Amino acid sequence: MSVQVAAPGSAGLGPERLSPEELVRQTRQVVQGLEALRAEHHGLAGHLAEALAGQGPAAGLEMLEEKQQVVSHSLEAIELGLGEAQVLLALSAHVGALEAEKQRLRSQARRLAQENVWLREELEETQRRLRASEESVAQLEEEKRHLEFLGQLRQYD
């Protein structure tokens, strides 16, 4: 036995696109309704069981057993629906947690990309200063050799 439920405000003529939040909200409402229905069916099953236990062999016995089977089948369908709704809610919570984790990781990736850009800029600046220092050192060494050469020339004069 399957039951189709149309969203409020729809004629049930086609699939309606619901937002995930709306779907979860409606699922919670359905769970509440199914739990109430389950409690009612448990009460009916208890009354039928009492009636069957108190009945002797009578003509109404067959009808009571048939009613008990229908209520039992209905309870099974309700339990199945509740289980499916709980799975849907758990799945929704899990997907929500995954989305939050994905957003956190995206944010972290953006931060790391920014840090990477900053580090590259720092590296370029440091390399520029290193080249300037190396040029300065090479120039000073050349000047030193030149001065040493001039000093040697003065010694010979």
Protein backbone atom coordinates (compact mmCIF):
# COMPACT_ATOMS: atom_id res chain seq x y z
CA MET A 1 0.00 0.00 0.00
CA SER A 2 1.41 3.38 -0.96
CA VAL A 3 0.16 6.83 -0.18
CA GLN A 4 0.86 9.93 -2.21
CA VAL A 5 0.96 13.22 -0.42
CA ALA A 6 0.60 16.49 -2.28
CA ALA A 7 2.22 19.60 -0.96
CA PRO A 8 -0.13 22.21 0.50
CA GLY A 9 -1.42 24.53 -2.19
CA SER A 10 -0.77 22.08 -5.03
CA ALA A 11 -3.36 20.11 -6.88
CA GLY A 12 -1.11 17.08 -6.98
CA LEU A 13 -0.90 17.23 -10.77
CA GLY A 14 2.86 17.20 -11.07
CA PRO A 15 6.09 17.10 -9.12
CA GLU A 16 6.61 20.25 -7.13
CA ARG A 17 10.12 21.49 -6.46
CA LEU A 18 10.59 22.02 -2.75
CA SER A 19 13.58 23.63 -1.14
CA PRO A 20 15.56 21.30 1.11
CA GLU A 21 14.48 23.29 4.17
CA GLU A 22 10.81 23.02 3.17
CA LEU A 23 11.19 19.30 2.51
CA VAL A 24 12.73 18.76 5.96
CA ARG A 25 10.01 20.88 7.59
CA GLN A 26 7.26 18.92 5.86
CA THR A 27 8.97 15.63 6.69
CA ARG A 28 9.01 16.59 10.37
CA GLN A 29 5.30 17.37 10.16
CA VAL A 30 4.65 14.01 8.53
CA VAL A 31 6.68 12.28 11.26
CA GLN A 32 4.52 13.93 13.92
CA GLY A 33 1.36 12.83 12.09
CA LEU A 34 2.66 9.29 11.65
CA GLU A 35 3.61 9.06 15.32
CA ALA A 36 0.11 10.14 16.31
CA LEU A 37 -1.37 7.65 13.84
CA ARG A 38 0.90 4.92 15.20
CA ALA A 39 -0.26 5.61 18.75
CA GLU A 40 -3.87 5.48 17.61
CA HIS A 41 -3.29 2.20 15.78
CA HIS A 42 -1.54 0.71 18.81
CA GLY A 43 -4.63 1.60 20.83
CA LEU A 44 -6.89 0.00 18.22
CA ALA A 45 -4.71 -3.10 18.10
CA GLY A 46 -4.89 -3.36 21.89
CA HIS A 47 -8.70 -3.07 21.87
CA LEU A 48 -8.96 -5.67 19.11
CA ALA A 49 -6.63 -8.03 20.99
CA GLU A 50 -8.76 -7.64 24.14
CA ALA A 51 -11.91 -8.24 22.11
CA LEU A 52 -10.40 -11.35 20.53
CA ALA A 53 -9.20 -12.66 23.90
CA GLY A 54 -12.65 -12.13 25.43
CA GLN A 55 -14.53 -13.63 22.49
CA GLY A 56 -15.47 -17.21 22.42
CA PRO A 57 -16.31 -19.00 19.21
CA ALA A 58 -18.72 -16.55 17.62
CA ALA A 59 -19.65 -15.18 14.23
CA GLY A 60 -17.89 -11.85 14.90
CA LEU A 61 -14.56 -13.56 15.56
CA GLU A 62 -13.64 -13.70 11.87
CA MET A 63 -14.39 -10.01 11.44
CA LEU A 64 -12.31 -9.07 14.50
CA GLU A 65 -9.36 -11.11 13.20
CA GLU A 66 -9.67 -9.44 9.80
CA LYS A 67 -9.73 -6.00 11.48
CA GLN A 68 -6.70 -6.94 13.54
CA GLN A 69 -4.82 -7.98 10.38
CA VAL A 70 -5.72 -4.69 8.66
CA VAL A 71 -4.61 -2.67 11.69
CA SER A 72 -1.41 -4.75 11.94
CA HIS A 73 -0.67 -4.20 8.24
CA SER A 74 -1.38 -0.51 8.66
CA LEU A 75 0.98 -0.35 11.66
CA GLU A 76 3.73 -1.98 9.60
CA ALA A 77 3.24 0.62 6.85
CA ILE A 78 3.31 3.43 9.45
CA GLU A 79 6.52 2.04 10.98
CA LEU A 80 8.05 1.82 7.51
CA GLY A 81 7.04 5.41 6.78
CA LEU A 82 8.50 6.57 10.09
CA GLY A 83 11.73 4.73 9.38
CA GLU A 84 12.00 6.25 5.92
CA ALA A 85 11.27 9.72 7.29
CA GLN A 86 13.96 9.30 9.96
CA VAL A 87 16.43 8.20 7.27
CA LEU A 88 15.49 11.24 5.18
CA LEU A 89 15.99 13.56 8.16
CA ALA A 90 19.31 11.92 9.04
CA LEU A 91 20.40 12.21 5.41
CA SER A 92 19.39 15.86 5.38
CA ALA A 93 21.41 16.51 8.53
CA HIS A 94 24.38 14.69 7.02
CA VAL A 95 24.14 16.66 3.76
CA GLY A 96 23.91 19.87 5.81
CA ALA A 97 27.05 18.91 7.70
CA LEU A 98 28.82 18.11 4.42
CA GLU A 99 27.78 21.49 2.98
CA ALA A 100 29.09 23.25 6.07
CA GLU A 101 32.37 21.33 5.81
CA LYS A 102 32.57 22.19 2.11
CA GLN A 103 32.08 25.87 2.87
CA ARG A 104 34.72 25.71 5.60
CA LEU A 105 37.17 24.05 3.21
CA ARG A 106 36.44 26.61 0.49
CA SER A 107 37.08 29.39 2.95
CA GLN A 108 40.31 27.74 4.03
CA ALA A 109 41.34 27.30 0.37
CA ARG A 110 40.70 31.01 -0.29
CA ARG A 111 42.74 31.94 2.78
CA LEU A 112 45.57 29.65 1.69
CA ALA A 113 45.49 31.08 -1.83
CA GLN A 114 45.75 34.60 -0.40
CA GLU A 115 48.59 33.51 1.86
CA ASN A 116 50.29 31.87 -1.12
CA VAL A 117 50.06 35.11 -3.12
CA TRP A 118 51.51 37.03 -0.17
CA LEU A 119 54.34 34.51 0.22
CA ARG A 120 55.15 34.73 -3.50
CA GLU A 121 55.30 38.52 -3.25
CA GLU A 122 57.58 38.24 -0.21
CA LEU A 123 59.78 35.75 -2.07
CA GLU A 124 60.02 38.05 -5.10
CA GLU A 125 60.96 40.99 -2.86
CA THR A 126 63.56 38.91 -1.02
CA GLN A 127 65.00 37.65 -4.31
CA ARG A 128 65.16 41.23 -5.61
CA ARG A 129 67.04 42.34 -2.47
CA LEU A 130 69.37 39.33 -2.75
CA ARG A 131 70.21 40.21 -6.37
CA ALA A 132 70.82 43.84 -5.36
CA SER A 133 73.06 42.67 -2.48
CA GLU A 134 74.96 40.31 -4.77
CA GLU A 135 75.45 43.11 -7.30
CA SER A 136 76.64 45.40 -4.51
CA VAL A 137 79.05 42.75 -3.23
CA ALA A 138 80.39 42.13 -6.76
CA GLN A 139 80.84 45.88 -7.28
CA LEU A 140 82.60 46.28 -3.93
CA GLU A 141 84.91 43.34 -4.68
CA GLU A 142 85.75 44.90 -8.04
CA GLU A 143 86.47 48.25 -6.34
CA LYS A 144 88.61 46.46 -3.73
CA ARG A 145 90.68 44.74 -6.42
CA HIS A 146 91.04 48.02 -8.25
CA LEU A 147 92.19 49.78 -5.05
CA GLU A 148 94.58 46.94 -4.28
CA PHE A 149 95.98 47.25 -7.79
CA LEU A 150 96.39 51.03 -7.35
CA GLY A 151 98.07 50.38 -4.00
CA GLN A 152 100.55 48.00 -5.64
CA LEU A 153 101.28 50.57 -8.37
CA ARG A 154 102.08 53.20 -5.73
CA GLN A 155 104.50 50.82 -4.06
CA TYR A 156 106.48 50.48 -7.28
CA ASP A 157 106.57 54.27 -7.89
